[in-house]
Amino acid sequence: MNTVLDKFAQAAQRPYEHVKAWKHERGVKAVGTLPMHFPAEIIHATGALPVIVQEMPDAITSGGGAMYPFFCGYTRSIVDQVTEDQLGFLDAIMFTDHCVQLLSAADVIRISRPETTIHFHQLIASLRQPWSLESSVKTLRELVADLEEMLGVVVTEEALRHSISVFNENRRLIRDLYQMRRTGQIQLRASQMQHIVKSSMVMDKETHNALLRELIASLKTSTAPRSDKVAIYVSGHLCHAPRPEILDLIEDCGAAIVDDDLYTGYRYVSTDVDAEIGDPIVALATAYIRKNDNVPCPTRIDPEVDWEEWLLGAVDRCGAQGLVVLLVKFCEPHYFAYPRIKAAFERNDVPHLMIETEHDGVAMENVRTKVESFVEMIKVQRAARAVAA
């Protein structure tokens, strides 16, 4: 088990070294994508390796002058990686619609590295319009055509169906781990779960699936000690990974993170593509439209789903006793949504704590004090309810 977890950790902590080694070993191309909504199955169907561009922990240097300082750390990190030529191993970078900040990053990349191949395909953000599915299908067909021309391949329906099957299996296996963790069957730390998900964003999916099957088989034969820690749900970080030390700090303060809607967590694996839909492009577009039902995204326009109400239900379903919101500094969609989340949790008397994170660093001891106080408050409330009962 530890050997498999180590492999996931290595790929998650050194993603680009892993991709470079895979390219060298297999002689394949690697196509970078920006996060959240890009259907990487299409890249996989071309025979190339899809790679989600990650925030790197390095201090932002030359890229700092190319991007506004009030843009989020992930956007500034991407621009810094490009200006420092850290992404030169990618054969192209693909963009879909994310937020204003990431769209600006595409322009900076074009100007600073004109030799970098960039393709931009904007998926419709309004998900409940009569034309939402049709628009999404049109965008994905254009994406396929661009990839075929760029890579000199033909993407067949058979290849797309195979890729969808491989990706669905990957999502299902990771969801199995999440369910085992929610029920207390296993006690993987949150940082280990993040390594599992994050590594799947840069590894070959078939290889990742094999490692997941091996891990799950070993976990099923082990016995997890019963935990008396405070069960916590973690929400936020919509398009990149929170620092593992923040997740470790939360759990070191007497909490157990039992579930999340992090991008490098359950959000990434929440929605399968319906293989029963005849046209795989329509199936991928349908999954994009439906994904917001499973885990709402504040960058999407969806009047039928309220993130705050969904979060209340998610916290209740996993048996968590409180919510920790990891809010990325300068993330405008999350800033816009958070007041409603705060109001909903206060209205329903569910404990919650907001921690603002930043690429350039977080005052960890201040965070520790807040988390310790939060966990202690929940313990006191839990004891008071036990006495009252």
Protein backbone atom coordinates (compact mmCIF):
# COMPACT_ATOMS: atom_id res chain seq x y z
CA MET A 1 0.00 0.00 0.00
CA ASN A 2 2.70 2.48 0.98
CA THR A 3 4.60 1.79 -2.25
CA VAL A 4 1.55 2.71 -4.34
CA LEU A 5 0.87 5.82 -2.25
CA ASP A 6 4.51 6.82 -2.73
CA LYS A 7 4.10 6.59 -6.51
CA PHE A 8 1.05 8.83 -6.37
CA ALA A 9 2.88 11.30 -4.13
CA GLN A 10 5.90 11.45 -6.44
CA ALA A 11 3.76 12.22 -9.49
CA ALA A 12 1.71 14.80 -7.56
CA GLN A 13 4.71 16.56 -6.04
CA ARG A 14 6.86 16.50 -9.21
CA PRO A 15 4.25 16.44 -11.99
CA TYR A 16 6.36 17.84 -14.80
CA GLU A 17 9.29 15.52 -14.15
CA HIS A 18 6.83 12.63 -14.36
CA VAL A 19 5.41 13.87 -17.68
CA LYS A 20 8.85 14.45 -19.19
CA ALA A 21 9.92 10.94 -18.22
CA TRP A 22 6.73 9.45 -19.70
CA LYS A 23 7.21 11.34 -22.96
CA HIS A 24 10.81 10.16 -23.20
CA GLU A 25 9.91 6.56 -22.39
CA ARG A 26 6.84 6.26 -24.64
CA GLY A 27 7.64 8.75 -27.37
CA VAL A 28 4.22 10.40 -27.10
CA LYS A 29 3.15 14.03 -27.13
CA ALA A 30 1.86 15.82 -24.05
CA VAL A 31 -0.91 18.39 -24.29
CA GLY A 32 -1.47 20.74 -21.37
CA THR A 33 -4.94 21.81 -20.33
CA LEU A 34 -6.25 24.39 -17.93
CA PRO A 35 -8.45 23.06 -15.14
CA MET A 36 -12.08 22.62 -14.22
CA HIS A 37 -14.09 21.76 -17.31
CA PHE A 38 -11.77 20.53 -20.05
CA PRO A 39 -12.77 17.08 -21.43
CA ALA A 40 -9.34 15.44 -21.36
CA GLU A 41 -10.82 12.26 -22.85
CA ILE A 42 -10.51 13.96 -26.25
CA ILE A 43 -6.76 14.45 -25.87
CA HIS A 44 -6.40 10.87 -24.63
CA ALA A 45 -8.22 9.63 -27.73
CA THR A 46 -5.54 11.22 -29.94
CA GLY A 47 -2.86 9.09 -28.29
CA ALA A 48 -1.29 12.08 -26.52
CA LEU A 49 -0.97 12.43 -22.76
CA PRO A 50 -3.36 15.02 -21.28
CA VAL A 51 -1.70 17.07 -18.53
CA ILE A 52 -3.54 19.51 -16.29
CA VAL A 53 -1.20 22.45 -15.68
CA GLN A 54 -0.52 22.68 -11.95
CA GLU A 55 0.26 25.55 -9.64
CA MET A 56 3.91 25.19 -8.63
CA PRO A 57 5.20 26.08 -5.17
CA ASP A 58 8.06 28.24 -6.48
CA ALA A 59 8.09 31.94 -5.74
CA ILE A 60 6.72 34.02 -8.60
CA THR A 61 9.61 35.90 -10.23
CA SER A 62 9.69 37.07 -13.86
CA GLY A 63 5.99 36.38 -14.32
CA GLY A 64 5.12 38.87 -11.62
CA GLY A 65 5.47 41.80 -13.98
CA ALA A 66 3.27 40.19 -16.64
CA MET A 67 0.14 39.74 -14.54
CA TYR A 68 -1.81 41.91 -12.12
CA PRO A 69 -0.85 41.30 -8.47
CA PHE A 70 -4.54 41.10 -7.56
CA PHE A 71 -5.02 38.02 -9.75
CA CYS A 72 -5.09 34.67 -7.98
CA GLY A 73 -1.89 32.77 -7.24
CA TYR A 74 -2.72 29.98 -9.69
CA THR A 75 -3.02 32.40 -12.62
CA ARG A 76 0.19 34.20 -11.65
CA SER A 77 1.97 30.86 -11.21
CA ILE A 78 0.99 29.70 -14.71
CA VAL A 79 2.25 32.92 -16.27
CA ASP A 80 5.48 32.63 -14.29
CA GLN A 81 5.97 29.04 -15.45
CA VAL A 82 5.56 30.13 -19.07
CA THR A 83 7.89 33.13 -18.82
CA GLU A 84 10.45 30.92 -17.05
CA ASP A 85 10.07 28.34 -19.85
CA GLN A 86 9.01 25.60 -17.44
CA LEU A 87 6.22 24.40 -19.74
CA GLY A 88 8.33 24.00 -22.87
CA PHE A 89 7.89 20.23 -22.72
CA LEU A 90 4.19 20.58 -23.56
CA ASP A 91 3.34 20.28 -27.24
CA ALA A 92 0.34 22.61 -26.82
CA ILE A 93 -1.82 24.22 -24.16
CA MET A 94 -5.61 23.99 -24.44
CA PHE A 95 -7.97 26.49 -22.82
CA THR A 96 -11.69 26.33 -22.20
CA ASP A 97 -13.78 28.91 -20.33
CA HIS A 98 -12.78 29.33 -16.68
CA CYS A 99 -12.73 32.85 -15.29
CA VAL A 100 -11.59 36.30 -16.38
CA GLN A 101 -8.19 35.87 -14.76
CA LEU A 102 -7.31 32.64 -16.55
CA LEU A 103 -8.54 34.07 -19.84
CA SER A 104 -6.09 36.93 -19.37
CA ALA A 105 -3.32 34.39 -18.79
CA ALA A 106 -3.90 33.03 -22.30
CA ASP A 107 -3.19 36.44 -23.80
CA VAL A 108 -0.01 36.83 -21.75
CA ILE A 109 1.22 33.40 -22.86
CA ARG A 110 0.59 34.27 -26.53
CA ILE A 111 2.54 37.50 -26.22
CA SER A 112 5.44 36.27 -24.08
CA ARG A 113 5.86 32.87 -25.78
CA PRO A 114 4.54 33.16 -29.34
CA GLU A 115 6.11 29.82 -30.20
CA THR A 116 3.76 28.08 -27.72
CA THR A 117 0.78 26.50 -29.45
CA ILE A 118 -2.43 27.66 -27.73
CA HIS A 119 -5.96 26.65 -28.57
CA PHE A 120 -8.93 28.31 -26.91
CA HIS A 121 -12.41 26.80 -27.00
CA GLN A 122 -15.01 28.53 -24.86
CA LEU A 123 -17.67 26.26 -23.43
CA ILE A 124 -20.98 27.94 -22.71
CA ALA A 125 -21.18 29.05 -19.06
CA SER A 126 -24.98 29.19 -18.87
CA LEU A 127 -26.04 25.59 -18.39
CA ARG A 128 -29.85 25.70 -18.48
CA GLN A 129 -30.48 27.48 -21.77
CA PRO A 130 -32.33 25.54 -24.50
CA TRP A 131 -29.19 25.80 -26.64
CA SER A 132 -26.62 24.92 -23.90
CA LEU A 133 -26.11 21.33 -25.01
CA GLU A 134 -26.05 22.21 -28.72
CA SER A 135 -23.48 24.94 -28.08
CA SER A 136 -21.30 22.59 -26.03
CA VAL A 137 -21.40 19.91 -28.73
CA LYS A 138 -20.38 22.47 -31.36
CA THR A 139 -17.46 23.67 -29.22
CA LEU A 140 -16.20 20.14 -28.58
CA ARG A 141 -16.38 19.23 -32.28
CA GLU A 142 -14.25 22.29 -33.06
CA LEU A 143 -11.82 21.19 -30.33
CA VAL A 144 -11.53 17.74 -31.89
CA ALA A 145 -10.86 19.25 -35.31
CA ASP A 146 -8.12 21.50 -33.94
CA LEU A 147 -6.43 18.61 -32.13
CA GLU A 148 -6.58 16.43 -35.23
CA GLU A 149 -4.92 19.14 -37.31
CA MET A 150 -2.33 19.98 -34.67
CA LEU A 151 -1.31 16.38 -33.90
CA GLY A 152 -1.81 14.94 -37.40
CA VAL A 153 -4.23 12.24 -36.26
CA VAL A 154 -7.85 11.25 -36.78
CA VAL A 155 -9.95 10.92 -33.63
CA THR A 156 -12.37 8.07 -34.19
CA GLU A 157 -15.57 7.42 -32.25
CA GLU A 158 -14.09 4.09 -31.19
CA ALA A 159 -11.06 5.85 -29.68
CA LEU A 160 -13.28 8.35 -27.91
CA ARG A 161 -15.45 5.58 -26.44
CA HIS A 162 -12.35 3.79 -25.20
CA SER A 163 -11.02 6.96 -23.58
CA ILE A 164 -14.39 7.64 -21.95
CA SER A 165 -14.39 4.11 -20.54
CA VAL A 166 -10.86 4.52 -19.14
CA PHE A 167 -11.65 7.90 -17.56
CA ASN A 168 -14.95 6.64 -16.14
CA GLU A 169 -13.12 3.77 -14.47
CA ASN A 170 -10.60 6.20 -13.00
CA ARG A 171 -13.37 8.38 -11.58
CA ARG A 172 -15.24 5.37 -10.20
CA LEU A 173 -12.18 3.95 -8.46
CA ILE A 174 -11.38 7.27 -6.80
CA ARG A 175 -15.02 7.66 -5.77
CA ASP A 176 -14.78 4.19 -4.22
CA LEU A 177 -11.90 5.45 -2.10
CA TYR A 178 -13.96 8.47 -1.10
CA GLN A 179 -16.86 6.26 -0.03
CA MET A 180 -14.54 4.00 2.00
CA ARG A 181 -13.13 7.09 3.68
CA ARG A 182 -16.57 8.58 4.46
CA THR A 183 -17.72 5.39 6.14
CA GLY A 184 -14.56 5.04 8.21
CA GLN A 185 -13.50 1.87 6.42
CA ILE A 186 -10.15 3.49 5.66
CA GLN A 187 -8.35 6.46 7.17
CA LEU A 188 -6.26 7.98 4.41
CA ARG A 189 -5.11 11.47 5.26
CA ALA A 190 -6.50 14.31 3.18
CA SER A 191 -3.06 15.05 1.73
CA GLN A 192 -2.81 11.41 0.59
CA MET A 193 -6.21 11.63 -1.10
CA GLN A 194 -5.08 14.82 -2.80
CA HIS A 195 -1.96 13.07 -4.07
CA ILE A 196 -4.15 10.33 -5.54
CA VAL A 197 -6.38 12.79 -7.40
CA LYS A 198 -3.66 15.21 -8.40
CA SER A 199 -1.46 12.43 -9.77
CA SER A 200 -4.35 11.28 -11.97
CA MET A 201 -4.26 14.72 -13.62
CA VAL A 202 -0.77 14.14 -15.01
CA MET A 203 -0.36 10.37 -15.20
CA ASP A 204 -1.42 8.01 -17.94
CA LYS A 205 -4.94 6.99 -16.92
CA GLU A 206 -4.52 3.26 -17.60
CA THR A 207 -1.41 3.22 -15.42
CA HIS A 208 -3.21 5.19 -12.73
CA ASN A 209 -6.17 2.80 -12.84
CA ALA A 210 -3.91 -0.20 -12.30
CA LEU A 211 -2.32 1.46 -9.27
CA LEU A 212 -5.75 2.38 -7.89
CA ARG A 213 -6.96 -1.22 -8.18
CA GLU A 214 -3.84 -2.37 -6.35
CA LEU A 215 -4.33 0.22 -3.61
CA ILE A 216 -8.01 -0.56 -3.07
CA ALA A 217 -7.32 -4.30 -2.87
CA SER A 218 -4.69 -3.73 -0.18
CA LEU A 219 -6.89 -1.32 1.77
CA LYS A 220 -9.77 -3.80 1.82
CA THR A 221 -7.58 -6.31 3.64
CA SER A 222 -6.45 -3.80 6.28
CA THR A 223 -8.25 -2.67 9.41
CA ALA A 224 -8.67 1.03 10.11
CA PRO A 225 -8.70 2.03 13.79
CA ARG A 226 -11.82 3.85 14.88
CA SER A 227 -11.27 7.60 14.96
CA ASP A 228 -12.69 9.92 17.60
CA LYS A 229 -11.54 13.03 15.75
CA VAL A 230 -13.96 15.76 14.72
CA ALA A 231 -15.26 14.99 11.22
CA ILE A 232 -14.76 17.95 8.88
CA TYR A 233 -15.84 18.71 5.32
CA VAL A 234 -13.45 20.89 3.28
CA SER A 235 -14.69 23.09 0.44
CA GLY A 236 -13.04 25.44 -2.05
CA HIS A 237 -9.88 25.65 -4.17
CA LEU A 238 -11.90 25.39 -7.36
CA CYS A 239 -9.06 24.98 -9.87
CA HIS A 240 -5.84 24.04 -8.08
CA ALA A 241 -4.54 22.18 -5.07
CA PRO A 242 -4.34 23.62 -1.58
CA ARG A 243 -0.93 23.22 -0.03
CA PRO A 244 -0.68 19.76 1.59
CA GLU A 245 0.63 21.34 4.77
CA ILE A 246 -2.69 23.14 5.25
CA LEU A 247 -4.61 19.86 4.97
CA ASP A 248 -2.14 18.19 7.34
CA LEU A 249 -2.44 21.07 9.81
CA ILE A 250 -6.24 20.72 9.92
CA GLU A 251 -5.97 17.02 10.67
CA ASP A 252 -3.16 17.52 13.17
CA CYS A 253 -5.47 19.80 15.16
CA GLY A 254 -7.83 16.97 16.05
CA ALA A 255 -9.97 16.93 12.89
CA ALA A 256 -10.48 14.23 10.29
CA ILE A 257 -11.31 15.45 6.79
CA VAL A 258 -13.94 12.96 5.67
CA ASP A 259 -15.09 14.56 2.43
CA ASP A 260 -14.55 17.59 0.19
CA ASP A 261 -15.52 19.38 -3.00
CA LEU A 262 -11.95 20.43 -3.86
CA TYR A 263 -10.89 20.45 -7.50
CA THR A 264 -8.01 18.13 -6.61
CA GLY A 265 -10.58 16.04 -4.80
CA TYR A 266 -14.16 14.90 -5.28
CA ARG A 267 -15.04 17.72 -7.70
CA TYR A 268 -12.66 16.25 -10.29
CA VAL A 269 -14.21 12.76 -10.20
CA SER A 270 -17.85 13.57 -9.45
CA THR A 271 -19.40 12.97 -12.87
CA ASP A 272 -19.04 10.11 -15.33
CA VAL A 273 -19.71 10.35 -19.04
CA ASP A 274 -22.76 8.34 -20.09
CA ALA A 275 -21.38 5.62 -22.37
CA GLU A 276 -24.91 4.72 -23.45
CA ILE A 277 -25.24 7.97 -25.43
CA GLY A 278 -24.46 6.98 -29.00
CA ASP A 279 -22.36 9.95 -30.05
CA PRO A 280 -19.35 10.27 -27.70
CA ILE A 281 -19.07 14.03 -28.32
CA VAL A 282 -22.70 14.46 -27.26
CA ALA A 283 -21.96 12.27 -24.24
CA LEU A 284 -19.03 14.47 -23.22
CA ALA A 285 -21.09 17.63 -23.68
CA THR A 286 -23.94 16.15 -21.65
CA ALA A 287 -21.55 15.29 -18.82
CA TYR A 288 -20.32 18.89 -18.81
CA ILE A 289 -23.88 20.19 -18.50
CA ARG A 290 -24.83 17.66 -15.80
CA LYS A 291 -21.70 18.03 -13.71
CA ASN A 292 -23.09 21.07 -11.93
CA ASP A 293 -25.85 18.92 -10.43
CA ASN A 294 -23.26 16.70 -8.74
CA VAL A 295 -20.88 19.42 -7.52
CA PRO A 296 -21.93 23.03 -8.22
CA CYS A 297 -19.34 25.41 -9.66
CA PRO A 298 -19.68 29.17 -9.08
CA THR A 299 -18.13 29.89 -12.49
CA ARG A 300 -21.21 28.33 -14.13
CA ILE A 301 -24.62 29.99 -14.43
CA ASP A 302 -27.22 27.56 -13.14
CA PRO A 303 -30.42 28.89 -11.55
CA GLU A 304 -31.49 25.38 -10.54
CA VAL A 305 -28.56 24.72 -8.19
CA ASP A 306 -27.48 26.65 -5.10
CA TRP A 307 -23.96 25.80 -3.95
CA GLU A 308 -24.70 26.75 -0.35
CA GLU A 309 -27.72 24.43 -0.10
CA TRP A 310 -25.80 21.67 -1.84
CA LEU A 311 -22.96 22.10 0.66
CA LEU A 312 -25.33 21.83 3.62
CA GLY A 313 -26.57 18.54 2.21
CA ALA A 314 -23.05 17.28 1.47
CA VAL A 315 -21.89 18.02 5.02
CA ASP A 316 -24.91 16.22 6.44
CA ARG A 317 -24.59 13.18 4.16
CA CYS A 318 -20.97 12.46 5.09
CA GLY A 319 -21.60 12.95 8.82
CA ALA A 320 -19.25 15.93 9.11
CA GLN A 321 -19.62 18.14 12.17
CA GLY A 322 -18.35 21.30 10.52
CA LEU A 323 -17.21 22.94 7.31
CA VAL A 324 -13.82 24.47 6.54
CA VAL A 325 -13.82 26.75 3.50
CA LEU A 326 -10.44 27.17 1.80
CA LEU A 327 -10.90 30.40 -0.13
CA VAL A 328 -8.16 31.30 -2.58
CA LYS A 329 -7.20 34.95 -2.31
CA PHE A 330 -8.55 36.94 -5.28
CA CYS A 331 -10.75 34.08 -6.52
CA GLU A 332 -13.67 36.23 -7.66
CA PRO A 333 -16.25 33.45 -8.24
CA HIS A 334 -15.64 32.08 -4.74
CA TYR A 335 -15.62 35.57 -3.21
CA PHE A 336 -19.03 36.14 -4.78
CA ALA A 337 -20.45 32.84 -3.47
CA TYR A 338 -18.97 32.81 0.04
CA PRO A 339 -21.36 35.31 1.72
CA ARG A 340 -24.29 33.07 0.80
CA ILE A 341 -22.46 29.99 2.08
CA LYS A 342 -21.69 31.76 5.36
CA ALA A 343 -25.28 32.92 5.77
CA ALA A 344 -26.70 29.46 5.02
CA PHE A 345 -24.47 27.70 7.55
CA GLU A 346 -25.15 30.30 10.23
CA ARG A 347 -28.88 30.06 9.56
CA ASN A 348 -28.74 26.28 10.02
CA ASP A 349 -26.39 26.39 13.05
CA VAL A 350 -23.70 24.35 11.28
CA PRO A 351 -20.17 25.32 12.41
CA HIS A 352 -17.95 26.67 9.66
CA LEU A 353 -14.55 28.30 9.34
CA MET A 354 -13.11 30.24 6.41
CA ILE A 355 -9.36 30.16 5.75
CA GLU A 356 -7.98 32.42 3.02
CA THR A 357 -5.05 30.89 1.15
CA GLU A 358 -2.41 32.56 -1.02
CA HIS A 359 0.34 31.34 -3.32
CA ASP A 360 2.97 33.44 -1.58
CA GLY A 361 2.31 31.80 1.74
CA VAL A 362 -0.06 31.57 4.68
CA ALA A 363 0.70 32.39 8.31
CA MET A 364 0.48 28.77 9.39
CA GLU A 365 0.53 29.39 13.15
CA ASN A 366 -2.36 31.82 12.77
CA VAL A 367 -4.23 29.15 10.85
CA ARG A 368 -3.37 26.60 13.53
CA THR A 369 -4.86 28.81 16.22
CA LYS A 370 -8.07 29.26 14.23
CA VAL A 371 -8.43 25.55 13.48
CA GLU A 372 -7.68 24.48 17.05
CA SER A 373 -10.32 26.90 18.33
CA PHE A 374 -12.80 25.70 15.72
CA VAL A 375 -12.26 22.03 16.57
CA GLU A 376 -12.48 22.73 20.30
CA MET A 377 -15.73 24.66 19.80
CA ILE A 378 -17.26 21.67 17.98
CA LYS A 379 -16.12 19.30 20.75
CA VAL A 380 -17.72 21.51 23.40
CA GLN A 381 -20.96 21.70 21.43
CA ARG A 382 -20.91 17.94 20.93
CA ALA A 383 -20.42 17.36 24.67
CA ALA A 384 -23.21 19.80 25.53
CA ARG A 385 -25.62 18.00 23.22
CA ALA A 386 -24.66 14.66 24.74
CA VAL A 387 -25.42 15.97 28.24
CA ALA A 388 -28.71 17.47 27.10
CA ALA A 389 -29.74 14.17 25.57
